[in-house]
């Protein structure tokens, strides 16, 4: 999911074309309150957001209906660390009320 753009530079002898590739990386939804506890509750309908490394207003939103309920960690402001192995995921929160909400769901 990349969008390539070209820039052209002219010289007396030739025309040089440099390809620039936008790389889209995961980011939080820019329109939500990331402190809202609703985002720590599992949901089967989720949207993932990606932002360009070159153009501030270039972004991608991909909406999914998941087979299993999901929590999108990019949407939670209080996540401070995520570690994982092939068999587990550990999420660290900097607010105990958020952790308590995850345990109640």
PDB file of N, CA and C in Angstrom:
ATOM      1  N   UNK A   1       0.817  -1.177   0.000  1.00  0.00           N
ATOM      2  CA  UNK A   1       0.000   0.000   0.000  1.00  0.00           C
ATOM      3  C   UNK A   1       0.865   1.247   0.000  1.00  0.00           C
ATOM      4  N   UNK A   2       1.637   1.426  -1.022  1.00  0.00           N
ATOM      5  CA  UNK A   2       2.466   2.611  -1.097  1.00  0.00           C
ATOM      6  C   UNK A   2       2.046   3.426  -2.294  1.00  0.00           C
ATOM      7  N   UNK A   3       2.341   4.705  -2.229  1.00  0.00           N
ATOM      8  CA  UNK A   3       2.014   5.622  -3.299  1.00  0.00           C
ATOM      9  C   UNK A   3       3.310   6.264  -3.741  1.00  0.00           C
ATOM     10  N   UNK A   4       3.770   5.971  -4.954  1.00  0.00           N
ATOM     11  CA  UNK A   4       5.033   6.516  -5.427  1.00  0.00           C
ATOM     12  C   UNK A   4       4.782   7.817  -6.178  1.00  0.00           C
ATOM     13  N   UNK A   5       5.636   8.805  -5.950  1.00  0.00           N
ATOM     14  CA  UNK A   5       5.575  10.062  -6.670  1.00  0.00           C
ATOM     15  C   UNK A   5       6.915  10.294  -7.311  1.00  0.00           C
ATOM     16  N   UNK A   6       6.949  11.050  -8.385  1.00  0.00           N
ATOM     17  CA  UNK A   6       8.193  11.322  -9.085  1.00  0.00           C
ATOM     18  C   UNK A   6       8.502  12.810  -9.063  1.00  0.00           C
ATOM     19  N   UNK A   7       9.776  13.122  -8.982  1.00  0.00           N
ATOM     20  CA  UNK A   7      10.228  14.498  -9.126  1.00  0.00           C
ATOM     21  C   UNK A   7      11.223  14.523 -10.267  1.00  0.00           C
ATOM     22  N   UNK A   8      11.253  15.627 -10.999  1.00  0.00           N
ATOM     23  CA  UNK A   8      12.130  15.736 -12.160  1.00  0.00           C
ATOM     24  C   UNK A   8      13.085  16.900 -11.975  1.00  0.00           C
ATOM     25  N   UNK A   9      14.358  16.680 -12.259  1.00  0.00           N
ATOM     26  CA  UNK A   9      15.365  17.737 -12.211  1.00  0.00           C
ATOM     27  C   UNK A   9      16.020  17.813 -13.583  1.00  0.00           C
ATOM     28  N   UNK A  10      16.092  19.015 -14.127  1.00  0.00           N
ATOM     29  CA  UNK A  10      16.682  19.172 -15.460  1.00  0.00           C
ATOM     30  C   UNK A  10      18.101  19.699 -15.359  1.00  0.00           C
ATOM     31  N   UNK A  11      18.971  19.170 -16.190  1.00  0.00           N
ATOM     32  CA  UNK A  11      20.332  19.664 -16.310  1.00  0.00           C
ATOM     33  C   UNK A  11      20.569  19.995 -17.774  1.00  0.00           C
ATOM     34  N   UNK A  12      21.666  20.626 -18.081  1.00  0.00           N
ATOM     35  CA  UNK A  12      21.972  20.980 -19.467  1.00  0.00           C
ATOM     36  C   UNK A  12      22.108  19.738 -20.330  1.00  0.00           C
ATOM     37  N   UNK A  13      22.620  18.652 -19.768  1.00  0.00           N
ATOM     38  CA  UNK A  13      22.884  17.461 -20.562  1.00  0.00           C
ATOM     39  C   UNK A  13      21.714  16.492 -20.604  1.00  0.00           C
ATOM     40  N   UNK A  14      20.944  16.401 -19.496  1.00  0.00           N
ATOM     41  CA  UNK A  14      19.890  15.391 -19.470  1.00  0.00           C
ATOM     42  C   UNK A  14      18.836  15.748 -18.424  1.00  0.00           C
ATOM     43  N   UNK A  15      17.790  14.959 -18.394  1.00  0.00           N
ATOM     44  CA  UNK A  15      16.732  15.091 -17.395  1.00  0.00           C
ATOM     45  C   UNK A  15      16.825  13.900 -16.458  1.00  0.00           C
ATOM     46  N   UNK A  16      16.937  14.168 -15.151  1.00  0.00           N
ATOM     47  CA  UNK A  16      17.037  13.114 -14.148  1.00  0.00           C
ATOM     48  C   UNK A  16      15.690  12.962 -13.452  1.00  0.00           C
ATOM     49  N   UNK A  17      15.261  11.739 -13.244  1.00  0.00           N
ATOM     50  CA  UNK A  17      14.013  11.474 -12.545  1.00  0.00           C
ATOM     51  C   UNK A  17      14.344  10.690 -11.280  1.00  0.00           C
ATOM     52  N   UNK A  18      13.880  11.219 -10.140  1.00  0.00           N
ATOM     53  CA  UNK A  18      14.098  10.528  -8.863  1.00  0.00           C
ATOM     54  C   UNK A  18      12.753  10.037  -8.351  1.00  0.00           C
ATOM     55  N   UNK A  19      12.653   8.763  -8.074  1.00  0.00           N
ATOM     56  CA  UNK A  19      11.423   8.211  -7.513  1.00  0.00           C
ATOM     57  C   UNK A  19      11.469   8.340  -5.998  1.00  0.00           C
ATOM     58  N   UNK A  20      10.364   8.791  -5.439  1.00  0.00           N
ATOM     59  CA  UNK A  20      10.224   8.916  -3.996  1.00  0.00           C
ATOM     60  C   UNK A  20       9.052   8.028  -3.599  1.00  0.00           C
ATOM     61  N   UNK A  21       9.257   7.176  -2.617  1.00  0.00           N
ATOM     62  CA  UNK A  21       8.208   6.257  -2.194  1.00  0.00           C
ATOM     63  C   UNK A  21       7.665   6.664  -0.835  1.00  0.00           C
ATOM     64  N   UNK A  22       6.343   6.827  -0.770  1.00  0.00           N
ATOM     65  CA  UNK A  22       5.680   7.042   0.509  1.00  0.00           C
ATOM     66  C   UNK A  22       5.640   5.718   1.253  1.00  0.00           C
ATOM     67  N   UNK A  23       6.066   5.706   2.492  1.00  0.00           N
ATOM     68  CA  UNK A  23       5.954   4.527   3.339  1.00  0.00           C
ATOM     69  C   UNK A  23       4.879   4.830   4.366  1.00  0.00           C
ATOM     70  N   UNK A  24       3.868   3.990   4.434  1.00  0.00           N
ATOM     71  CA  UNK A  24       2.768   4.199   5.366  1.00  0.00           C
ATOM     72  C   UNK A  24       2.976   3.296   6.582  1.00  0.00           C
ATOM     73  N   UNK A  25       3.000   3.907   7.774  1.00  0.00           N
ATOM     74  CA  UNK A  25       3.216   3.188   9.028  1.00  0.00           C
ATOM     75  C   UNK A  25       1.969   3.280   9.898  1.00  0.00           C
ATOM     76  N   UNK A  26       1.746   2.283  10.769  1.00  0.00           N
ATOM     77  CA  UNK A  26       0.582   2.334  11.657  1.00  0.00           C
ATOM     78  C   UNK A  26       0.598   3.590  12.527  1.00  0.00           C
ATOM     79  N   UNK A  27      -0.571   4.150  12.738  1.00  0.00           N
ATOM     80  CA  UNK A  27      -0.721   5.324  13.589  1.00  0.00           C
ATOM     81  C   UNK A  27      -2.090   5.269  14.254  1.00  0.00           C
ATOM     82  N   UNK A  28      -2.289   6.107  15.245  1.00  0.00           N
ATOM     83  CA  UNK A  28      -3.589   6.173  15.916  1.00  0.00           C
ATOM     84  C   UNK A  28      -4.584   6.933  15.054  1.00  0.00           C
ATOM     85  N   UNK A  29      -5.848   6.636  15.236  1.00  0.00           N
ATOM     86  CA  UNK A  29      -6.916   7.374  14.573  1.00  0.00           C
ATOM     87  C   UNK A  29      -6.832   8.827  15.037  1.00  0.00           C
ATOM     88  N   UNK A  30      -6.647   9.778  14.137  1.00  0.00           N
ATOM     89  CA  UNK A  30      -6.476  11.174  14.550  1.00  0.00           C
ATOM     90  C   UNK A  30      -7.767  11.841  15.022  1.00  0.00           C
ATOM     91  N   UNK A  31      -8.912  11.184  14.887  1.00  0.00           N
ATOM     92  CA  UNK A  31     -10.190  11.820  15.224  1.00  0.00           C
ATOM     93  C   UNK A  31     -10.799  11.329  16.533  1.00  0.00           C
ATOM     94  N   UNK A  32     -10.102  10.467  17.269  1.00  0.00           N
ATOM     95  CA  UNK A  32     -10.695   9.921  18.507  1.00  0.00           C
ATOM     96  C   UNK A  32      -9.973  10.441  19.747  1.00  0.00           C
ATOM     97  N   UNK A  33     -10.632  10.285  20.877  1.00  0.00           N
ATOM     98  CA  UNK A  33     -10.024  10.570  22.176  1.00  0.00           C
ATOM     99  C   UNK A  33      -9.343   9.279  22.631  1.00  0.00           C
ATOM    100  N   UNK A  34      -8.025   9.231  22.570  1.00  0.00           N
ATOM    101  CA  UNK A  34      -7.284   8.012  22.896  1.00  0.00           C
ATOM    102  C   UNK A  34      -7.311   7.686  24.389  1.00  0.00           C
ATOM    103  N   UNK A  35      -7.863   8.593  25.220  1.00  0.00           N
ATOM    104  CA  UNK A  35      -7.995   8.341  26.662  1.00  0.00           C
ATOM    105  C   UNK A  35      -9.346   7.719  27.013  1.00  0.00           C
ATOM    106  N   UNK A  36     -10.229   7.590  26.030  1.00  0.00           N
ATOM    107  CA  UNK A  36     -11.547   7.002  26.251  1.00  0.00           C
ATOM    108  C   UNK A  36     -11.388   5.506  26.525  1.00  0.00           C
ATOM    109  N   UNK A  37     -11.934   5.043  27.642  1.00  0.00           N
ATOM    110  CA  UNK A  37     -11.796   3.630  28.027  1.00  0.00           C
ATOM    111  C   UNK A  37     -12.502   2.680  27.060  1.00  0.00           C
ATOM    112  N   UNK A  38     -13.368   3.192  26.229  1.00  0.00           N
ATOM    113  CA  UNK A  38     -14.051   2.330  25.257  1.00  0.00           C
ATOM    114  C   UNK A  38     -13.060   1.660  24.313  1.00  0.00           C
ATOM    115  N   UNK A  39     -11.902   2.263  24.112  1.00  0.00           N
ATOM    116  CA  UNK A  39     -10.920   1.705  23.174  1.00  0.00           C
ATOM    117  C   UNK A  39     -10.156   0.505  23.729  1.00  0.00           C
ATOM    118  N   UNK A  40     -10.287   0.215  25.018  1.00  0.00           N
ATOM    119  CA  UNK A  40      -9.617  -0.964  25.576  1.00  0.00           C
ATOM    120  C   UNK A  40     -10.525  -2.186  25.567  1.00  0.00           C
ATOM    121  N   UNK A  41     -11.776  -1.997  25.163  1.00  0.00           N
ATOM    122  CA  UNK A  41     -12.716  -3.113  25.123  1.00  0.00           C
ATOM    123  C   UNK A  41     -12.641  -3.809  23.764  1.00  0.00           C
ATOM    124  N   UNK A  42     -12.609  -5.127  23.760  1.00  0.00           N
ATOM    125  CA  UNK A  42     -12.531  -5.865  22.492  1.00  0.00           C
ATOM    126  C   UNK A  42     -13.728  -5.568  21.592  1.00  0.00           C
ATOM    127  N   UNK A  43     -13.472  -5.503  20.299  1.00  0.00           N
ATOM    128  CA  UNK A  43     -14.498  -5.206  19.313  1.00  0.00           C
ATOM    129  C   UNK A  43     -14.181  -6.005  18.051  1.00  0.00           C
ATOM    130  N   UNK A  44     -15.200  -6.478  17.357  1.00  0.00           N
ATOM    131  CA  UNK A  44     -14.936  -7.224  16.125  1.00  0.00           C
ATOM    132  C   UNK A  44     -14.881  -6.318  14.898  1.00  0.00           C
ATOM    133  N   UNK A  45     -15.387  -5.091  15.002  1.00  0.00           N
ATOM    134  CA  UNK A  45     -15.307  -4.122  13.902  1.00  0.00           C
ATOM    135  C   UNK A  45     -14.250  -3.089  14.247  1.00  0.00           C
ATOM    136  N   UNK A  46     -13.139  -3.123  13.543  1.00  0.00           N
ATOM    137  CA  UNK A  46     -12.032  -2.219  13.852  1.00  0.00           C
ATOM    138  C   UNK A  46     -11.549  -1.524  12.586  1.00  0.00           C
ATOM    139  N   UNK A  47     -10.925  -0.373  12.794  1.00  0.00           N
ATOM    140  CA  UNK A  47     -10.280   0.342  11.694  1.00  0.00           C
ATOM    141  C   UNK A  47      -8.822   0.566  12.066  1.00  0.00           C
ATOM    142  N   UNK A  48      -7.953   0.352  11.095  1.00  0.00           N
ATOM    143  CA  UNK A  48      -6.523   0.583  11.287  1.00  0.00           C
ATOM    144  C   UNK A  48      -6.116   1.764  10.417  1.00  0.00           C
ATOM    145  N   UNK A  49      -5.256   2.609  10.949  1.00  0.00           N
ATOM    146  CA  UNK A  49      -4.850   3.835  10.275  1.00  0.00           C
ATOM    147  C   UNK A  49      -3.352   3.794   9.983  1.00  0.00           C
ATOM    148  N   UNK A  50      -2.993   4.336   8.842  1.00  0.00           N
ATOM    149  CA  UNK A  50      -1.604   4.392   8.415  1.00  0.00           C
ATOM    150  C   UNK A  50      -1.314   5.806   7.928  1.00  0.00           C
ATOM    151  N   UNK A  51      -0.146   6.340   8.307  1.00  0.00           N
ATOM    152  CA  UNK A  51       0.242   7.690   7.913  1.00  0.00           C
ATOM    153  C   UNK A  51       1.506   7.639   7.076  1.00  0.00           C
ATOM    154  N   UNK A  52       1.624   8.603   6.168  1.00  0.00           N
ATOM    155  CA  UNK A  52       2.773   8.699   5.267  1.00  0.00           C
ATOM    156  C   UNK A  52       3.991   9.241   5.989  1.00  0.00           C
ATOM    157  N   UNK A  53       5.159   8.793   5.565  1.00  0.00           N
ATOM    158  CA  UNK A  53       6.406   9.330   6.109  1.00  0.00           C
ATOM    159  C   UNK A  53       6.835  10.598   5.370  1.00  0.00           C
ATOM    160  N   UNK A  54       6.129  10.960   4.296  1.00  0.00           N
ATOM    161  CA  UNK A  54       6.521  12.114   3.490  1.00  0.00           C
ATOM    162  C   UNK A  54       5.491  13.235   3.538  1.00  0.00           C
ATOM    163  N   UNK A  55       4.235  12.903   3.324  1.00  0.00           N
ATOM    164  CA  UNK A  55       3.184  13.903   3.196  1.00  0.00           C
ATOM    165  C   UNK A  55       2.268  13.844   4.412  1.00  0.00           C
ATOM    166  N   UNK A  56       2.143  14.959   5.131  1.00  0.00           N
ATOM    167  CA  UNK A  56       1.375  14.983   6.373  1.00  0.00           C
ATOM    168  C   UNK A  56      -0.097  14.637   6.161  1.00  0.00           C
ATOM    169  N   UNK A  57      -0.666  15.019   5.053  1.00  0.00           N
ATOM    170  CA  UNK A  57      -2.090  14.764   4.847  1.00  0.00           C
ATOM    171  C   UNK A  57      -2.386  13.470   4.078  1.00  0.00           C
ATOM    172  N   UNK A  58      -1.374  12.665   3.827  1.00  0.00           N
ATOM    173  CA  UNK A  58      -1.588  11.368   3.166  1.00  0.00           C
ATOM    174  C   UNK A  58      -1.759  10.296   4.230  1.00  0.00           C
ATOM    175  N   UNK A  59      -2.917   9.633   4.222  1.00  0.00           N
ATOM    176  CA  UNK A  59      -3.156   8.565   5.183  1.00  0.00           C
ATOM    177  C   UNK A  59      -4.091   7.537   4.573  1.00  0.00           C
ATOM    178  N   UNK A  60      -4.136   6.390   5.227  1.00  0.00           N
ATOM    179  CA  UNK A  60      -4.979   5.288   4.771  1.00  0.00           C
ATOM    180  C   UNK A  60      -5.766   4.776   5.971  1.00  0.00           C
ATOM    181  N   UNK A  61      -7.054   4.519   5.757  1.00  0.00           N
ATOM    182  CA  UNK A  61      -7.900   3.887   6.773  1.00  0.00           C
ATOM    183  C   UNK A  61      -8.381   2.564   6.188  1.00  0.00           C
ATOM    184  N   UNK A  62      -8.148   1.478   6.936  1.00  0.00           N
ATOM    185  CA  UNK A  62      -8.589   0.156   6.514  1.00  0.00           C
ATOM    186  C   UNK A  62      -9.531  -0.373   7.585  1.00  0.00           C
ATOM    187  N   UNK A  63     -10.768  -0.681   7.198  1.00  0.00           N
ATOM    188  CA  UNK A  63     -11.759  -1.189   8.148  1.00  0.00           C
ATOM    189  C   UNK A  63     -11.901  -2.693   7.981  1.00  0.00           C
ATOM    190  N   UNK A  64     -12.001  -3.370   9.107  1.00  0.00           N
ATOM    191  CA  UNK A  64     -12.085  -4.829   9.119  1.00  0.00           C
ATOM    192  C   UNK A  64     -13.241  -5.291   9.996  1.00  0.00           C
ATOM    193  N   UNK A  65     -13.810  -6.427   9.657  1.00  0.00           N
ATOM    194  CA  UNK A  65     -14.667  -7.171  10.568  1.00  0.00           C
ATOM    195  C   UNK A  65     -13.858  -8.413  10.918  1.00  0.00           C
ATOM    196  N   UNK A  66     -13.411  -8.466  12.170  1.00  0.00           N
ATOM    197  CA  UNK A  66     -12.513  -9.530  12.602  1.00  0.00           C
ATOM    198  C   UNK A  66     -13.304 -10.785  12.994  1.00  0.00           C
ATOM    199  N   UNK A  67     -12.687 -11.928  12.817  1.00  0.00           N
ATOM    200  CA  UNK A  67     -13.299 -13.186  13.250  1.00  0.00           C
ATOM    201  C   UNK A  67     -13.360 -13.237  14.775  1.00  0.00           C
ATOM    202  N   UNK A  68     -12.322 -12.710  15.420  1.00  0.00           N
ATOM    203  CA  UNK A  68     -12.258 -12.682  16.882  1.00  0.00           C
ATOM    204  C   UNK A  68     -12.180 -11.229  17.341  1.00  0.00           C
ATOM    205  N   UNK A  69     -12.748 -10.943  18.487  1.00  0.00           N
ATOM    206  CA  UNK A  69     -12.714  -9.583  19.031  1.00  0.00           C
ATOM    207  C   UNK A  69     -11.277  -9.114  19.190  1.00  0.00           C
ATOM    208  N   UNK A  70     -11.065  -7.834  18.938  1.00  0.00           N
ATOM    209  CA  UNK A  70      -9.724  -7.262  18.848  1.00  0.00           C
ATOM    210  C   UNK A  70      -9.656  -5.947  19.613  1.00  0.00           C
ATOM    211  N   UNK A  71      -8.474  -5.637  20.118  1.00  0.00           N
ATOM    212  CA  UNK A  71      -8.192  -4.330  20.705  1.00  0.00           C
ATOM    213  C   UNK A  71      -7.058  -3.714  19.887  1.00  0.00           C
ATOM    214  N   UNK A  72      -7.263  -2.507  19.370  1.00  0.00           N
ATOM    215  CA  UNK A  72      -6.243  -1.816  18.574  1.00  0.00           C
ATOM    216  C   UNK A  72      -5.394  -0.985  19.531  1.00  0.00           C
ATOM    217  N   UNK A  73      -4.177  -1.440  19.792  1.00  0.00           N
ATOM    218  CA  UNK A  73      -3.331  -0.801  20.806  1.00  0.00           C
ATOM    219  C   UNK A  73      -2.953   0.630  20.452  1.00  0.00           C
ATOM    220  N   UNK A  74      -2.883   0.959  19.154  1.00  0.00           N
ATOM    221  CA  UNK A  74      -2.559   2.335  18.759  1.00  0.00           C
ATOM    222  C   UNK A  74      -3.624   3.326  19.219  1.00  0.00           C
ATOM    223  N   UNK A  75      -4.823   2.838  19.548  1.00  0.00           N
ATOM    224  CA  UNK A  75      -5.918   3.725  19.956  1.00  0.00           C
ATOM    225  C   UNK A  75      -5.917   4.009  21.461  1.00  0.00           C
ATOM    226  N   UNK A  76      -4.984   3.426  22.213  1.00  0.00           N
ATOM    227  CA  UNK A  76      -4.991   3.552  23.674  1.00  0.00           C
ATOM    228  C   UNK A  76      -3.794   4.399  24.117  1.00  0.00           C
ATOM    229  N   UNK A  77      -4.079   5.578  24.648  1.00  0.00           N
ATOM    230  CA  UNK A  77      -3.018   6.526  25.017  1.00  0.00           C
ATOM    231  C   UNK A  77      -2.159   6.029  26.168  1.00  0.00           C
ATOM    232  N   UNK A  78      -2.697   5.190  27.021  1.00  0.00           N
ATOM    233  CA  UNK A  78      -1.981   4.784  28.229  1.00  0.00           C
ATOM    234  C   UNK A  78      -1.096   3.545  28.056  1.00  0.00           C
ATOM    235  N   UNK A  79      -1.003   3.020  26.848  1.00  0.00           N
ATOM    236  CA  UNK A  79      -0.089   1.904  26.594  1.00  0.00           C
ATOM    237  C   UNK A  79       1.325   2.471  26.520  1.00  0.00           C
ATOM    238  N   UNK A  80       2.197   1.963  27.372  1.00  0.00           N
ATOM    239  CA  UNK A  80       3.575   2.465  27.390  1.00  0.00           C
ATOM    240  C   UNK A  80       4.575   1.476  26.808  1.00  0.00           C
ATOM    241  N   UNK A  81       4.196   0.199  26.757  1.00  0.00           N
ATOM    242  CA  UNK A  81       5.123  -0.794  26.244  1.00  0.00           C
ATOM    243  C   UNK A  81       4.354  -2.039  25.822  1.00  0.00           C
ATOM    244  N   UNK A  82       4.833  -2.666  24.761  1.00  0.00           N
ATOM    245  CA  UNK A  82       4.275  -3.944  24.310  1.00  0.00           C
ATOM    246  C   UNK A  82       5.450  -4.861  24.002  1.00  0.00           C
ATOM    247  N   UNK A  83       5.431  -6.032  24.610  1.00  0.00           N
ATOM    248  CA  UNK A  83       6.435  -7.052  24.298  1.00  0.00           C
ATOM    249  C   UNK A  83       5.691  -8.322  23.912  1.00  0.00           C
ATOM    250  N   UNK A  84       6.312  -9.121  23.066  1.00  0.00           N
ATOM    251  CA  UNK A  84       5.637 -10.329  22.615  1.00  0.00           C
ATOM    252  C   UNK A  84       6.644 -11.425  22.294  1.00  0.00           C
ATOM    253  N   UNK A  85       6.130 -12.623  22.349  1.00  0.00           N
ATOM    254  CA  UNK A  85       6.866 -13.804  21.915  1.00  0.00           C
ATOM    255  C   UNK A  85       5.959 -14.542  20.948  1.00  0.00           C
ATOM    256  N   UNK A  86       6.367 -15.704  20.520  1.00  0.00           N
ATOM    257  CA  UNK A  86       5.517 -16.484  19.622  1.00  0.00           C
ATOM    258  C   UNK A  86       4.271 -17.017  20.322  1.00  0.00           C
ATOM    259  N   UNK A  87       4.249 -16.965  21.668  1.00  0.00           N
ATOM    260  CA  UNK A  87       3.100 -17.526  22.386  1.00  0.00           C
ATOM    261  C   UNK A  87       2.406 -16.557  23.339  1.00  0.00           C
ATOM    262  N   UNK A  88       2.889 -15.294  23.448  1.00  0.00           N
ATOM    263  CA  UNK A  88       2.236 -14.376  24.383  1.00  0.00           C
ATOM    264  C   UNK A  88       2.475 -12.920  23.997  1.00  0.00           C
ATOM    265  N   UNK A  89       1.619 -12.052  24.550  1.00  0.00           N
ATOM    266  CA  UNK A  89       1.752 -10.599  24.388  1.00  0.00           C
ATOM    267  C   UNK A  89       1.608  -9.985  25.771  1.00  0.00           C
ATOM    268  N   UNK A  90       2.516  -9.076  26.135  1.00  0.00           N
ATOM    269  CA  UNK A  90       2.435  -8.362  27.410  1.00  0.00           C
ATOM    270  C   UNK A  90       2.303  -6.877  27.110  1.00  0.00           C
ATOM    271  N   UNK A  91       1.258  -6.258  27.661  1.00  0.00           N
ATOM    272  CA  UNK A  91       0.990  -4.833  27.445  1.00  0.00           C
ATOM    273  C   UNK A  91       1.129  -4.120  28.781  1.00  0.00           C
ATOM    274  N   UNK A  92       1.911  -3.028  28.810  1.00  0.00           N
ATOM    275  CA  UNK A  92       2.095  -2.230  30.022  1.00  0.00           C
ATOM    276  C   UNK A  92       1.308  -0.941  29.881  1.00  0.00           C
ATOM    277  N   UNK A  93       0.496  -0.631  30.907  1.00  0.00           N
ATOM    278  CA  UNK A  93      -0.298   0.599  30.948  1.00  0.00           C
ATOM    279  C   UNK A  93       0.279   1.518  32.014  1.00  0.00           C
ATOM    280  N   UNK A  94       0.157   2.830  31.826  1.00  0.00           N
ATOM    281  CA  UNK A  94       0.601   3.767  32.863  1.00  0.00           C
ATOM    282  C   UNK A  94      -0.565   4.294  33.690  1.00  0.00           C
ATOM    283  N   UNK A  95      -1.705   3.602  33.615  1.00  0.00           N
ATOM    284  CA  UNK A  95      -2.899   4.001  34.369  1.00  0.00           C
ATOM    285  C   UNK A  95      -3.604   2.730  34.825  1.00  0.00           C
ATOM    286  N   UNK A  96      -3.717   2.528  36.123  1.00  0.00           N
ATOM    287  CA  UNK A  96      -4.299   1.277  36.627  1.00  0.00           C
ATOM    288  C   UNK A  96      -5.783   1.149  36.298  1.00  0.00           C
ATOM    289  N   UNK A  97      -6.510   2.254  36.128  1.00  0.00           N
ATOM    290  CA  UNK A  97      -7.930   2.155  35.792  1.00  0.00           C
ATOM    291  C   UNK A  97      -8.118   1.543  34.400  1.00  0.00           C
ATOM    292  N   UNK A  98      -7.179   1.798  33.496  1.00  0.00           N
ATOM    293  CA  UNK A  98      -7.264   1.200  32.168  1.00  0.00           C
ATOM    294  C   UNK A  98      -7.024  -0.306  32.278  1.00  0.00           C
ATOM    295  N   UNK A  99      -6.029  -0.685  33.062  1.00  0.00           N
ATOM    296  CA  UNK A  99      -5.775  -2.118  33.276  1.00  0.00           C
ATOM    297  C   UNK A  99      -7.002  -2.778  33.899  1.00  0.00           C
ATOM    298  N   UNK A 100      -7.616  -2.141  34.892  1.00  0.00           N
ATOM    299  CA  UNK A 100      -8.810  -2.696  35.538  1.00  0.00           C
ATOM    300  C   UNK A 100      -9.937  -2.891  34.525  1.00  0.00           C
ATOM    301  N   UNK A 101     -10.100  -1.941  33.601  1.00  0.00           N
ATOM    302  CA  UNK A 101     -11.138  -2.059  32.569  1.00  0.00           C
ATOM    303  C   UNK A 101     -10.873  -3.245  31.655  1.00  0.00           C
ATOM    304  N   UNK A 102      -9.602  -3.467  31.320  1.00  0.00           N
ATOM    305  CA  UNK A 102      -9.285  -4.610  30.451  1.00  0.00           C
ATOM    306  C   UNK A 102      -9.597  -5.925  31.149  1.00  0.00           C
ATOM    307  N   UNK A 103      -9.405  -5.978  32.455  1.00  0.00           N
ATOM    308  CA  UNK A 103      -9.653  -7.213  33.196  1.00  0.00           C
ATOM    309  C   UNK A 103     -11.141  -7.484  33.363  1.00  0.00           C
ATOM    310  N   UNK A 104     -11.957  -6.430  33.354  1.00  0.00           N
ATOM    311  CA  UNK A 104     -13.402  -6.581  33.536  1.00  0.00           C
ATOM    312  C   UNK A 104     -14.099  -7.005  32.255  1.00  0.00           C
ATOM    313  N   UNK A 105     -13.441  -6.851  31.108  1.00  0.00           N
ATOM    314  CA  UNK A 105     -14.129  -7.161  29.842  1.00  0.00           C
ATOM    315  C   UNK A 105     -14.048  -8.620  29.488  1.00  0.00           C
TER     316      UNK A 105
END
